[in-house]
């Protein structure tokens, strides 16, 4: 029998917890690889609660000591969305970091409570911190042998059976053998015998393999153990490995069944094994301990090389961005003509944008679900349109669209905010848009010394909003992969400090990031301007030391009707004109007719 309501699902989970003698259970958005975006089979939080965001967790207690006995924990990006999607009669809404999950459990669970967690969905650091906090409260954290949600989710999808495929060397720029050799050299230098790599994009990068197992991220569900001799064991469903993939990888990569991953750790007994505590789940460390391996906590050796794009990857990105930019320009021209008629809605517009990208003939997937936010929905930072939430694009309103494509030569991510006429936008909207634009320009133009972390640059994008007592509740920039994850570490431009935030990572030449300041007026509208940029070396007259700057990769017109030119400096106007001249140069050869005429008008100097 299928459980259609979330109330029934929560009730079934509580019954399952009672059978297992558990007093509560923690439900994250996660899979066995700690992925940001997970396959349908791992969407346990969405199934239980209805929440469709990409970051959040829930706790369900078997019995209520007080309140509802269940809570949803999300950050500032999702404070509006969680209230739209999750029943407030079933779950309390909690905002992190202000509301700590362990404090909530300690205050709401009974004394002596046994709180369960799935060791394949959490890090060891999370588990140790939670265990210590619950112990102080007289409670116990319990690692479950199997996930209790899986026991009650009767129509849970199976993991994807799609075959893996190779990323061509012309796009990868390096062979898998070369990458494994680099890792092997590192292992030998550190006197390590092997490294366990469980992050899906790292596995894909090391092997030059891609897949279709996670929506919008071209990865294959698998694990990798790289040995100090450069050979590797790839744990993947064997039927997913085609003869072409096996032949390309050669005998140095041994294909082993994915379900044998944990048991195969017996081969690592007594050896020095590296594992990444931030990117590998608790169960991996637990199993290594169990077999008697010596665990050395090290950052996944693929993370930094993957983030620093080589010449082939940089060329591919520029080609993909230009192709994608032409598709987005055609869409914006279409939107400018159709939106003021009042006949469009968020879903139809997102579908039309997808159609323009498919028209390139090169699109393999979107890089994430398009954020198509009309009016008040645009104020939800990571809004996800659905039949239930879909709004029309009303005349004389703000529309925000954040979207991207997956092409074999690159991953794109762009946000444009447009005014739906026919009347001129209000002064407040133009003021807010122009302040966001000024922040975007300030970050794009900045040069900085080598060793500068992303946290040192974040204020540049916020400064003009801050002067008006305004801010936005998300980071300013995230890393982007090469036909891989649209959100890629370790680099990040954001508030805060610390390795976990990603903002302590120095920006290095070859890294790609987004530049996306925004402003969101709850219940009314949202604004965001996003381009991708490449960190590059810079030469400055009289410089001392080595300096870096940003090469802009994204070329699509920015809506000039939303700009208050009086708020721009001469230097900012010069940036605008230079940027749009380059937009015209990049896109004009790909457009013709009315599309080209629209582009010329949109790129005219301010």
Protein backbone atom coordinates (compact mmCIF):
# COMPACT_ATOMS: atom_id res chain seq x y z
CA UNK A 1 0.00 0.00 0.00
CA UNK A 2 1.40 3.38 -1.02
CA UNK A 3 1.44 6.13 1.59
CA UNK A 4 0.32 9.28 -0.18
CA UNK A 5 0.38 11.80 2.66
CA UNK A 6 3.40 13.01 4.59
CA UNK A 7 1.45 12.53 7.79
CA UNK A 8 1.09 8.83 6.95
CA UNK A 9 4.78 8.60 6.13
CA UNK A 10 5.88 10.19 9.38
CA UNK A 11 3.51 7.90 11.27
CA UNK A 12 4.93 4.83 9.48
CA UNK A 13 8.46 5.91 10.31
CA UNK A 14 7.54 6.27 13.98
CA UNK A 15 6.10 2.76 13.98
CA UNK A 16 9.31 1.46 12.41
CA UNK A 17 11.39 3.26 15.05
CA UNK A 18 9.31 1.58 17.75
CA UNK A 19 10.01 -1.84 16.20
CA UNK A 20 13.74 -1.07 16.27
CA UNK A 21 13.62 0.35 19.81
CA UNK A 22 14.79 3.75 18.59
CA UNK A 23 13.44 6.98 20.04
CA UNK A 24 14.31 9.15 17.06
CA UNK A 25 16.03 9.29 13.70
CA UNK A 26 18.01 11.92 11.77
CA UNK A 27 17.15 12.32 8.08
CA UNK A 28 19.64 14.33 5.94
CA UNK A 29 19.67 15.13 2.24
CA UNK A 30 22.54 12.83 1.38
CA UNK A 31 23.65 9.62 -0.27
CA UNK A 32 26.53 7.24 0.38
CA UNK A 33 28.86 9.69 -1.37
CA UNK A 34 27.77 12.84 0.51
CA UNK A 35 26.59 14.32 -2.78
CA UNK A 36 24.83 17.67 -2.91
CA UNK A 37 22.37 16.39 -5.50
CA UNK A 38 21.30 12.78 -5.02
CA UNK A 39 19.58 10.14 -7.13
CA UNK A 40 15.87 9.45 -6.78
CA UNK A 41 16.59 6.33 -4.70
CA UNK A 42 18.26 8.49 -2.01
CA UNK A 43 15.64 11.28 -1.80
CA UNK A 44 14.52 10.15 1.65
CA UNK A 45 14.02 13.64 3.08
CA UNK A 46 11.86 14.74 0.14
CA UNK A 47 9.76 11.57 0.40
CA UNK A 48 9.24 12.00 4.13
CA UNK A 49 8.66 15.77 4.30
CA UNK A 50 8.02 17.18 0.83
CA UNK A 51 11.07 19.46 1.03
CA UNK A 52 12.73 19.77 -2.40
CA UNK A 53 15.72 21.97 -1.53
CA UNK A 54 19.32 20.82 -1.90
CA UNK A 55 20.40 21.34 1.72
CA UNK A 56 18.58 20.47 4.92
CA UNK A 57 17.84 17.78 7.51
CA UNK A 58 14.98 16.57 9.64
CA UNK A 59 14.67 14.84 13.00
CA UNK A 60 11.68 12.67 13.82
CA UNK A 61 11.13 11.53 17.40
CA UNK A 62 8.99 8.52 18.21
CA UNK A 63 7.24 10.30 21.06
CA UNK A 64 6.71 14.01 21.64
CA UNK A 65 8.03 15.27 24.93
CA UNK A 66 6.86 18.69 23.81
CA UNK A 67 5.89 20.40 20.55
CA UNK A 68 5.46 18.32 17.40
CA UNK A 69 8.24 15.80 18.00
CA UNK A 70 9.73 16.52 14.57
CA UNK A 71 11.70 19.41 13.09
CA UNK A 72 13.14 20.61 9.78
CA UNK A 73 16.54 22.31 9.81
CA UNK A 74 17.44 24.59 6.87
CA UNK A 75 19.68 27.60 6.32
CA UNK A 76 18.73 31.10 5.20
CA UNK A 77 18.39 30.12 1.54
CA UNK A 78 15.36 27.97 2.30
CA UNK A 79 13.44 29.75 5.07
CA UNK A 80 10.60 30.61 2.67
CA UNK A 81 10.70 27.40 0.64
CA UNK A 82 10.51 25.10 3.66
CA UNK A 83 7.29 26.77 4.78
CA UNK A 84 5.77 26.31 1.35
CA UNK A 85 6.69 22.64 1.04
CA UNK A 86 6.72 21.16 4.56
CA UNK A 87 3.57 20.84 6.69
CA UNK A 88 3.93 23.02 9.78
CA UNK A 89 1.49 20.73 11.57
CA UNK A 90 4.03 17.91 11.29
CA UNK A 91 7.41 19.65 11.56
CA UNK A 92 8.76 22.64 13.44
CA UNK A 93 10.81 25.00 11.26
CA UNK A 94 14.36 25.53 12.48
CA UNK A 95 17.00 27.84 11.00
CA UNK A 96 20.69 26.92 11.08
CA UNK A 97 23.15 27.87 12.41
CA UNK A 98 21.00 29.72 14.97
CA UNK A 99 19.09 26.53 15.84
CA UNK A 100 21.36 23.54 16.46
CA UNK A 101 19.97 20.08 15.79
CA UNK A 102 21.72 18.52 18.79
CA UNK A 103 20.29 21.17 21.11
CA UNK A 104 16.80 20.53 19.75
CA UNK A 105 17.12 16.78 20.27
CA UNK A 106 18.47 17.27 23.79
CA UNK A 107 15.51 19.52 24.63
CA UNK A 108 12.79 17.42 22.99
CA UNK A 109 13.74 13.74 23.30
CA UNK A 110 13.14 11.75 26.49
CA UNK A 111 15.93 11.08 28.94
CA UNK A 112 17.90 8.01 27.89
CA UNK A 113 16.67 8.30 24.28
CA UNK A 114 18.33 6.22 21.57
CA UNK A 115 18.64 8.43 18.45
CA UNK A 116 19.39 6.57 15.24
CA UNK A 117 21.44 7.70 12.24
CA UNK A 118 22.47 6.04 8.99
CA UNK A 119 26.29 5.75 9.03
CA UNK A 120 26.31 5.79 5.20
CA UNK A 121 24.79 9.30 5.12
CA UNK A 122 26.87 11.28 7.63
CA UNK A 123 30.51 12.17 8.21
CA UNK A 124 32.50 10.83 11.12
CA UNK A 125 32.93 14.38 12.42
CA UNK A 126 29.17 14.92 12.50
CA UNK A 127 28.62 11.63 14.31
CA UNK A 128 31.31 12.27 16.93
CA UNK A 129 30.01 15.77 17.68
CA UNK A 130 26.40 14.58 17.91
CA UNK A 131 27.38 11.59 20.04
CA UNK A 132 29.24 13.83 22.53
CA UNK A 133 26.35 16.29 22.78
CA UNK A 134 23.72 13.60 23.27
CA UNK A 135 25.86 11.81 25.86
CA UNK A 136 25.93 15.02 27.92
CA UNK A 137 22.12 15.03 27.74
CA UNK A 138 21.93 11.39 28.90
CA UNK A 139 21.09 10.11 25.42
CA UNK A 140 22.71 7.71 22.97
CA UNK A 141 23.50 8.01 19.24
CA UNK A 142 22.96 4.69 17.46
CA UNK A 143 24.33 3.72 14.03
CA UNK A 144 21.63 1.65 12.28
CA UNK A 145 22.38 -1.41 10.17
CA UNK A 146 19.78 -0.36 7.60
CA UNK A 147 17.84 2.85 7.05
CA UNK A 148 14.37 2.70 8.66
CA UNK A 149 12.91 4.95 5.96
CA UNK A 150 13.80 2.34 3.36
CA UNK A 151 11.70 -0.16 5.31
CA UNK A 152 8.55 1.98 4.98
CA UNK A 153 9.18 3.60 1.59
CA UNK A 154 7.46 0.82 -0.32
CA UNK A 155 7.75 2.35 -3.80
CA UNK A 156 11.33 3.56 -3.42
CA UNK A 157 13.06 3.78 -6.82
CA UNK A 158 15.98 1.54 -7.67
CA UNK A 159 19.40 3.13 -8.26
CA UNK A 160 20.01 4.09 -11.88
CA UNK A 161 21.06 1.33 -14.25
CA UNK A 162 22.39 3.73 -16.93
CA UNK A 163 25.76 2.73 -18.39
CA UNK A 164 28.86 4.80 -17.69
CA UNK A 165 30.68 6.46 -20.58
CA UNK A 166 34.08 8.03 -21.19
CA UNK A 167 34.92 11.73 -21.15
CA UNK A 168 36.99 12.22 -24.29
CA UNK A 169 40.66 13.06 -23.75
CA UNK A 170 40.23 16.18 -25.89
CA UNK A 171 37.87 17.55 -23.23
CA UNK A 172 39.60 16.05 -20.17
CA UNK A 173 43.04 17.31 -21.17
CA UNK A 174 44.74 14.50 -19.24
CA UNK A 175 44.47 10.72 -19.32
CA UNK A 176 43.20 8.69 -16.39
CA UNK A 177 46.60 6.96 -16.22
CA UNK A 178 48.26 10.35 -15.80
CA UNK A 179 45.87 11.36 -13.02
CA UNK A 180 46.28 8.04 -11.22
CA UNK A 181 50.03 8.38 -11.56
CA UNK A 182 49.89 11.78 -9.88
CA UNK A 183 47.86 10.30 -7.02
CA UNK A 184 50.28 7.36 -6.76
CA UNK A 185 53.23 9.76 -6.48
CA UNK A 186 51.43 11.57 -3.67
CA UNK A 187 50.68 8.28 -1.89
CA UNK A 188 54.31 7.21 -2.05
CA UNK A 189 55.52 10.60 -0.85
CA UNK A 190 53.18 10.38 2.14
CA UNK A 191 54.10 6.70 2.76
CA UNK A 192 50.51 5.63 2.16
CA UNK A 193 49.39 2.37 0.56
CA UNK A 194 46.08 3.51 -0.94
CA UNK A 195 43.38 6.16 -0.85
CA UNK A 196 39.62 5.65 -0.72
CA UNK A 197 37.77 8.08 -3.00
CA UNK A 198 34.01 8.14 -2.56
CA UNK A 199 32.93 11.57 -3.88
CA UNK A 200 31.22 10.84 -7.19
CA UNK A 201 32.71 13.77 -9.10
CA UNK A 202 36.20 12.84 -7.88
CA UNK A 203 35.75 9.26 -9.08
CA UNK A 204 34.52 10.59 -12.43
CA UNK A 205 37.45 13.00 -12.75
CA UNK A 206 40.15 10.46 -11.88
CA UNK A 207 38.84 7.86 -14.33
CA UNK A 208 37.66 10.31 -17.03
CA UNK A 209 34.31 8.55 -16.77
CA UNK A 210 30.87 10.11 -16.70
CA UNK A 211 27.38 8.70 -16.02
CA UNK A 212 23.67 9.41 -15.79
CA UNK A 213 22.95 8.22 -12.26
CA UNK A 214 22.19 11.61 -10.68
CA UNK A 215 19.95 14.21 -12.28
CA UNK A 216 21.96 17.09 -13.74
CA UNK A 217 25.35 15.80 -12.52
CA UNK A 218 27.01 13.40 -15.01
CA UNK A 219 28.38 10.83 -12.58
CA UNK A 220 28.16 7.07 -12.08
CA UNK A 221 27.35 5.56 -8.66
CA UNK A 222 30.66 4.01 -7.67
CA UNK A 223 33.67 4.09 -5.35
CA UNK A 224 37.37 4.10 -6.16
CA UNK A 225 40.42 2.84 -4.29
CA UNK A 226 43.68 4.02 -5.85
CA UNK A 227 46.83 2.09 -4.94
CA UNK A 228 50.35 3.44 -4.58
CA UNK A 229 51.37 1.64 -7.79
CA UNK A 230 48.82 3.67 -9.83
CA UNK A 231 46.35 0.82 -10.24
CA UNK A 232 42.81 1.17 -8.94
CA UNK A 233 39.77 -0.82 -7.89
CA UNK A 234 36.54 0.65 -9.26
CA UNK A 235 33.45 -0.50 -7.36
CA UNK A 236 30.48 -0.15 -9.70
CA UNK A 237 27.61 -2.34 -10.88
CA UNK A 238 29.48 -4.40 -13.54
CA UNK A 239 26.62 -4.20 -16.02
CA UNK A 240 27.13 -0.42 -16.14
CA UNK A 241 30.67 -0.81 -17.54
CA UNK A 242 30.59 -1.11 -21.33
CA UNK A 243 33.29 -2.86 -23.33
CA UNK A 244 34.40 0.57 -24.59
CA UNK A 245 34.85 1.92 -21.05
CA UNK A 246 36.65 -1.20 -19.85
CA UNK A 247 38.99 -1.13 -22.85
CA UNK A 248 39.75 2.56 -22.42
CA UNK A 249 40.61 2.15 -18.72
CA UNK A 250 42.69 -0.97 -19.33
CA UNK A 251 43.87 -3.66 -16.94
CA UNK A 252 45.21 -1.16 -14.42
CA UNK A 253 41.64 -0.43 -13.32
CA UNK A 254 39.98 -3.51 -11.83
CA UNK A 255 36.17 -3.58 -12.10
CA UNK A 256 34.54 -4.86 -8.90
CA UNK A 257 30.88 -5.01 -7.85
CA UNK A 258 29.63 -1.96 -5.95
CA UNK A 259 28.03 -4.10 -3.25
CA UNK A 260 31.45 -5.64 -2.54
CA UNK A 261 32.96 -2.27 -1.55
CA UNK A 262 32.67 -2.68 2.21
CA UNK A 263 33.75 -6.33 2.23
CA UNK A 264 36.79 -5.50 0.08
CA UNK A 265 38.20 -3.41 2.91
CA UNK A 266 39.53 -6.69 4.33
CA UNK A 267 42.26 -6.35 1.66
CA UNK A 268 43.39 -3.12 3.36
CA UNK A 269 44.07 -4.66 6.76
CA UNK A 270 47.32 -3.47 8.29
CA UNK A 271 47.90 -0.85 5.56
CA UNK A 272 48.11 2.93 5.75
CA UNK A 273 44.97 4.18 4.04
CA UNK A 274 44.01 7.78 3.28
CA UNK A 275 40.37 8.88 3.48
CA UNK A 276 38.81 12.34 3.40
CA UNK A 277 36.83 13.04 6.59
CA UNK A 278 34.77 15.74 4.85
CA UNK A 279 33.91 13.70 1.74
CA UNK A 280 33.67 10.15 3.07
CA UNK A 281 30.90 8.79 5.25
CA UNK A 282 31.20 7.50 8.80
CA UNK A 283 30.72 3.89 7.62
CA UNK A 284 33.92 3.98 5.56
CA UNK A 285 36.02 5.01 8.58
CA UNK A 286 34.19 2.51 10.78
CA UNK A 287 34.89 -0.33 8.36
CA UNK A 288 38.57 0.63 7.99
CA UNK A 289 38.88 0.62 11.77
CA UNK A 290 37.15 -2.74 11.92
CA UNK A 291 39.62 -4.45 9.55
CA UNK A 292 42.65 -2.95 11.30
CA UNK A 293 43.76 -0.45 8.68
CA UNK A 294 45.74 2.59 9.79
CA UNK A 295 43.56 5.54 8.75
CA UNK A 296 45.22 8.78 7.71
CA UNK A 297 42.81 11.69 7.32
CA UNK A 298 43.71 13.55 4.14
CA UNK A 299 41.82 15.71 1.68
CA UNK A 300 40.67 13.76 -1.37
CA UNK A 301 43.69 14.08 -3.72
CA UNK A 302 41.42 14.74 -6.72
CA UNK A 303 39.73 17.80 -5.23
CA UNK A 304 42.32 20.48 -5.94
CA UNK A 305 43.57 19.20 -9.35
CA UNK A 306 39.93 18.87 -10.43
CA UNK A 307 39.24 22.47 -9.43
CA UNK A 308 42.26 23.84 -11.33
CA UNK A 309 41.15 23.52 -14.93
CA UNK A 310 43.85 22.65 -17.46
CA UNK A 311 44.16 24.34 -20.86
CA UNK A 312 41.82 21.88 -22.59
CA UNK A 313 39.17 22.28 -19.91
CA UNK A 314 39.45 26.07 -20.08
CA UNK A 315 39.05 26.02 -23.87
CA UNK A 316 36.04 23.73 -23.51
CA UNK A 317 34.44 26.03 -20.96
CA UNK A 318 34.81 29.06 -23.23
CA UNK A 319 33.22 27.15 -26.11
CA UNK A 320 30.38 25.84 -23.96
CA UNK A 321 29.71 29.29 -22.45
CA UNK A 322 29.55 30.90 -25.89
CA UNK A 323 27.16 28.24 -27.18
CA UNK A 324 25.01 28.45 -24.08
CA UNK A 325 25.07 32.25 -24.16
CA UNK A 326 23.60 32.30 -27.65
CA UNK A 327 20.78 29.98 -26.51
CA UNK A 328 20.04 32.20 -23.50
CA UNK A 329 20.12 35.32 -25.69
CA UNK A 330 17.55 33.79 -28.06
CA UNK A 331 15.43 32.99 -25.01
CA UNK A 332 15.68 36.51 -23.57
CA UNK A 333 14.69 37.99 -26.94
CA UNK A 334 11.67 35.68 -27.06
CA UNK A 335 10.83 36.54 -23.44
CA UNK A 336 11.01 40.28 -24.08
CA UNK A 337 8.32 39.93 -26.73
CA UNK A 338 6.04 37.42 -25.04
CA UNK A 339 6.18 38.15 -21.30
CA UNK A 340 4.38 41.55 -21.38
CA UNK A 341 1.35 39.82 -22.94
CA UNK A 342 0.64 38.15 -19.59
CA UNK A 343 0.24 34.64 -21.08
CA UNK A 344 3.35 32.98 -19.64
CA UNK A 345 4.03 31.23 -16.35
CA UNK A 346 7.13 29.96 -14.59
CA UNK A 347 6.87 26.41 -15.91
CA UNK A 348 6.22 27.35 -19.52
CA UNK A 349 9.11 29.83 -19.50
CA UNK A 350 11.52 27.27 -17.99
CA UNK A 351 10.43 24.74 -20.61
CA UNK A 352 11.03 27.29 -23.39
CA UNK A 353 14.54 28.02 -22.09
CA UNK A 354 15.25 24.28 -22.07
CA UNK A 355 14.01 24.16 -25.67
CA UNK A 356 16.45 26.87 -26.74
CA UNK A 357 19.34 24.99 -25.09
CA UNK A 358 18.31 21.73 -26.74
CA UNK A 359 18.31 23.61 -30.03
CA UNK A 360 22.12 23.81 -29.81
CA UNK A 361 22.26 20.09 -30.55
CA UNK A 362 24.93 19.71 -27.88
CA UNK A 363 22.96 19.76 -24.63
CA UNK A 364 23.28 16.56 -22.59
CA UNK A 365 21.35 17.71 -19.52
CA UNK A 366 20.56 20.79 -17.48
CA UNK A 367 23.17 21.47 -14.81
CA UNK A 368 20.38 21.89 -12.19
CA UNK A 369 16.63 22.40 -12.09
CA UNK A 370 15.96 25.84 -13.55
CA UNK A 371 15.09 28.44 -10.94
CA UNK A 372 12.20 30.22 -12.65
CA UNK A 373 10.94 32.80 -10.18
CA UNK A 374 8.21 35.29 -11.01
CA UNK A 375 7.36 38.06 -8.56
CA UNK A 376 7.34 36.79 -4.98
CA UNK A 377 8.76 33.38 -5.96
CA UNK A 378 11.90 35.15 -7.16
CA UNK A 379 12.53 36.11 -3.54
CA UNK A 380 13.10 32.43 -2.70
CA UNK A 381 16.85 32.06 -3.32
CA UNK A 382 16.81 28.43 -4.43
CA UNK A 383 13.19 28.26 -5.54
CA UNK A 384 12.08 25.16 -7.43
CA UNK A 385 8.98 25.64 -9.54
CA UNK A 386 6.22 23.02 -9.43
CA UNK A 387 2.60 22.75 -10.54
CA UNK A 388 1.56 23.77 -7.02
CA UNK A 389 3.78 26.87 -6.78
CA UNK A 390 3.81 28.05 -10.41
CA UNK A 391 3.01 31.74 -10.83
CA UNK A 392 2.23 33.71 -13.99
CA UNK A 393 4.65 36.33 -15.25
CA UNK A 394 2.56 39.38 -14.58
CA UNK A 395 3.03 42.57 -16.62
CA UNK A 396 5.13 45.15 -14.76
CA UNK A 397 6.93 42.68 -12.50
CA UNK A 398 10.39 41.23 -11.85
CA UNK A 399 11.33 37.79 -13.19
CA UNK A 400 14.48 35.91 -12.09
CA UNK A 401 15.82 32.91 -14.01
CA UNK A 402 18.87 30.94 -12.84
CA UNK A 403 19.77 28.09 -15.15
CA UNK A 404 22.57 26.10 -16.73
CA UNK A 405 23.45 23.33 -19.14
CA UNK A 406 25.67 20.28 -19.18
CA UNK A 407 27.71 20.01 -22.37
CA UNK A 408 30.55 17.58 -22.88
CA UNK A 409 32.97 20.50 -23.13
CA UNK A 410 31.71 22.42 -20.10
CA UNK A 411 29.12 23.14 -17.41
CA UNK A 412 27.26 26.47 -17.44
CA UNK A 413 25.41 28.46 -14.78
CA UNK A 414 23.89 31.89 -15.39
CA UNK A 415 21.31 34.10 -13.70
CA UNK A 416 19.52 37.00 -15.32
CA UNK A 417 16.86 39.19 -13.78
CA UNK A 418 14.51 40.95 -16.20
CA UNK A 419 11.75 43.50 -15.96
CA UNK A 420 8.47 42.40 -17.51
CA UNK A 421 6.98 45.63 -18.93
CA UNK A 422 5.37 47.48 -20.52
CA UNK A 423 5.76 50.22 -17.91
CA UNK A 424 9.10 51.35 -16.49
CA UNK A 425 10.28 49.60 -13.31
CA UNK A 426 9.76 51.35 -9.95
CA UNK A 427 12.61 53.39 -8.51
CA UNK A 428 13.12 50.93 -5.63
CA UNK A 429 13.56 47.97 -7.98
CA UNK A 430 16.07 49.88 -10.10
CA UNK A 431 17.96 50.95 -6.98
CA UNK A 432 18.24 47.39 -5.68
CA UNK A 433 19.16 45.99 -9.08
CA UNK A 434 21.84 48.63 -9.59
CA UNK A 435 23.35 47.97 -6.15
CA UNK A 436 23.56 44.25 -7.03
CA UNK A 437 25.11 45.19 -10.38
CA UNK A 438 27.69 47.43 -8.72
CA UNK A 439 28.69 44.57 -6.41
CA UNK A 440 28.95 42.21 -9.37
CA UNK A 441 31.18 44.68 -11.21
CA UNK A 442 33.37 45.32 -8.15
CA UNK A 443 34.11 41.61 -7.77
CA UNK A 444 34.64 41.08 -11.50
CA UNK A 445 37.20 43.95 -11.70
CA UNK A 446 39.16 43.12 -8.56
CA UNK A 447 42.79 42.00 -8.68
CA UNK A 448 44.25 40.27 -5.65
CA UNK A 449 47.53 38.72 -4.49
CA UNK A 450 48.09 35.00 -4.66
CA UNK A 451 47.05 33.29 -1.44
CA UNK A 452 43.82 35.31 -1.18
CA UNK A 453 40.88 33.20 0.05
CA UNK A 454 37.31 33.62 -1.13
CA UNK A 455 36.23 35.10 2.19
CA UNK A 456 38.48 38.12 1.57
CA UNK A 457 36.57 39.02 -1.60
CA UNK A 458 32.99 38.46 -0.50
CA UNK A 459 32.44 41.95 0.93
CA UNK A 460 33.23 43.50 -2.45
CA UNK A 461 29.96 42.15 -3.82
CA UNK A 462 27.88 43.14 -0.77
CA UNK A 463 29.25 46.62 -0.06
CA UNK A 464 26.66 48.65 -1.97
CA UNK A 465 23.77 46.69 -0.47
CA UNK A 466 25.27 47.03 3.00
CA UNK A 467 25.38 50.81 2.58
CA UNK A 468 21.58 50.71 2.26
CA UNK A 469 21.15 48.27 5.17
CA UNK A 470 20.54 45.31 2.85
CA UNK A 471 22.14 41.90 2.33
CA UNK A 472 21.54 38.44 0.87
CA UNK A 473 21.54 35.06 2.63
CA UNK A 474 23.73 33.01 0.30
CA UNK A 475 27.34 32.86 -0.82
CA UNK A 476 28.61 35.09 -3.60
CA UNK A 477 30.50 32.46 -5.57
CA UNK A 478 30.85 28.68 -5.87
CA UNK A 479 33.21 26.54 -7.90
CA UNK A 480 32.01 24.92 -11.14
CA UNK A 481 33.16 21.65 -12.69
CA UNK A 482 34.07 20.66 -16.25
CA UNK A 483 31.10 18.59 -17.41
CA UNK A 484 30.71 17.69 -13.75
CA UNK A 485 29.07 19.19 -10.66
CA UNK A 486 27.72 22.71 -11.05
CA UNK A 487 28.72 23.27 -7.39
CA UNK A 488 32.33 22.19 -6.97
CA UNK A 489 34.81 22.77 -4.17
CA UNK A 490 37.10 23.54 -2.57
CA UNK A 491 36.97 27.20 -3.64
CA UNK A 492 34.14 29.49 -2.59
CA UNK A 493 33.44 33.21 -2.22
CA UNK A 494 31.27 33.69 0.86
CA UNK A 495 31.03 35.04 4.37
CA UNK A 496 32.58 33.07 7.21
CA UNK A 497 35.86 31.37 7.76
CA UNK A 498 36.97 27.79 8.12
CA UNK A 499 37.71 24.73 6.04
CA UNK A 500 34.14 23.51 6.25
CA UNK A 501 32.82 26.77 4.80
CA UNK A 502 35.32 26.45 1.95
CA UNK A 503 36.21 30.11 2.28
CA UNK A 504 39.77 29.57 3.56
CA UNK A 505 40.84 27.97 0.27
CA UNK A 506 43.12 30.38 -1.63
CA UNK A 507 41.90 31.11 -5.13
CA UNK A 508 44.29 29.65 -7.70
CA UNK A 509 44.76 30.27 -11.41
CA UNK A 510 42.56 27.87 -13.36
CA UNK A 511 39.71 27.77 -10.87
CA UNK A 512 36.23 28.63 -12.13
CA UNK A 513 33.72 30.36 -9.85
CA UNK A 514 30.38 32.08 -10.06
CA UNK A 515 29.95 35.79 -9.36
CA UNK A 516 26.35 36.10 -8.15
CA UNK A 517 25.33 38.78 -5.66
CA UNK A 518 21.60 39.24 -5.17
CA UNK A 519 18.81 40.91 -3.27
CA UNK A 520 15.49 39.38 -2.17
CA UNK A 521 12.44 41.24 -0.88
CA UNK A 522 10.27 38.61 0.79
CA UNK A 523 6.83 38.36 -0.75
CA UNK A 524 7.64 40.71 -3.62
CA UNK A 525 10.63 40.01 -5.88
CA UNK A 526 14.19 38.69 -6.18
CA UNK A 527 17.25 39.98 -8.02
CA UNK A 528 20.45 38.13 -8.91
CA UNK A 529 23.11 38.68 -11.58
CA UNK A 530 25.40 35.70 -12.18
CA UNK A 531 28.31 35.13 -14.52
CA UNK A 532 31.05 32.52 -14.33
CA UNK A 533 34.66 33.69 -14.06
CA UNK A 534 38.05 32.03 -14.45
CA UNK A 535 40.87 32.88 -12.06
CA UNK A 536 43.86 33.98 -14.13
CA UNK A 537 47.33 35.39 -13.55
CA UNK A 538 47.59 39.18 -13.88
CA UNK A 539 50.46 41.53 -14.62
CA UNK A 540 50.30 44.96 -12.96
CA UNK A 541 52.78 47.77 -13.54
CA UNK A 542 55.12 47.98 -10.58
CA UNK A 543 53.65 44.91 -8.94
CA UNK A 544 55.34 43.19 -6.03
CA UNK A 545 54.70 39.48 -5.87
CA UNK A 546 52.22 37.48 -7.94
CA UNK A 547 48.69 38.71 -8.64
CA UNK A 548 45.45 37.21 -9.89
CA UNK A 549 42.21 38.45 -11.40
CA UNK A 550 39.09 37.15 -13.12
CA UNK A 551 38.45 36.40 -16.78
CA UNK A 552 34.72 36.60 -17.46
CA UNK A 553 33.36 33.46 -19.16
CA UNK A 554 29.62 34.19 -19.40
CA UNK A 555 28.43 36.54 -22.14
CA UNK A 556 24.73 37.38 -22.17
CA UNK A 557 23.13 40.86 -22.06
CA UNK A 558 22.10 42.24 -18.67
CA UNK A 559 18.71 43.98 -18.60
CA UNK A 560 19.47 47.68 -19.09
CA UNK A 561 15.90 48.78 -18.22
CA UNK A 562 16.62 47.88 -14.58
CA UNK A 563 19.76 50.01 -14.33
CA UNK A 564 19.77 53.42 -12.64
CA UNK A 565 22.68 54.93 -14.55
CA UNK A 566 22.88 57.80 -12.07
CA UNK A 567 24.11 55.33 -9.44
CA UNK A 568 27.00 54.11 -11.61
CA UNK A 569 30.47 55.58 -11.62
CA UNK A 570 32.35 56.29 -14.83
CA UNK A 571 34.42 53.15 -14.23
CA UNK A 572 31.28 51.04 -13.80
CA UNK A 573 29.74 52.45 -16.98
CA UNK A 574 32.98 51.64 -18.78
CA UNK A 575 32.80 48.06 -17.44
CA UNK A 576 29.21 47.75 -18.68
CA UNK A 577 30.08 49.01 -22.14
CA UNK A 578 33.20 46.84 -22.42
CA UNK A 579 31.32 43.77 -21.22
CA UNK A 580 28.46 44.25 -23.66
CA UNK A 581 30.83 44.90 -26.54
CA UNK A 582 32.37 41.49 -25.79
CA UNK A 583 28.86 39.97 -25.53
CA UNK A 584 28.16 41.28 -29.02
CA UNK A 585 31.48 39.92 -30.35
CA UNK A 586 30.89 36.45 -28.86
CA UNK A 587 27.21 36.04 -29.70
CA UNK A 588 26.64 37.98 -32.93
CA UNK A 589 28.27 35.31 -35.16
CA UNK A 590 25.78 32.77 -33.76
CA UNK A 591 22.63 34.88 -34.24
CA UNK A 592 20.75 36.35 -37.16
CA UNK A 593 17.55 38.19 -38.04
CA UNK A 594 15.45 39.54 -35.18
CA UNK A 595 17.64 37.78 -32.60
CA UNK A 596 20.69 39.66 -33.87
CA UNK A 597 18.82 42.96 -33.96
CA UNK A 598 17.71 42.43 -30.34
CA UNK A 599 21.29 41.64 -29.35
CA UNK A 600 22.62 44.82 -30.99
CA UNK A 601 20.05 46.94 -29.17
CA UNK A 602 20.73 45.20 -25.86
CA UNK A 603 24.49 45.71 -26.21
CA UNK A 604 24.41 49.40 -27.17
CA UNK A 605 26.54 51.55 -24.85
CA UNK A 606 24.90 53.12 -21.81
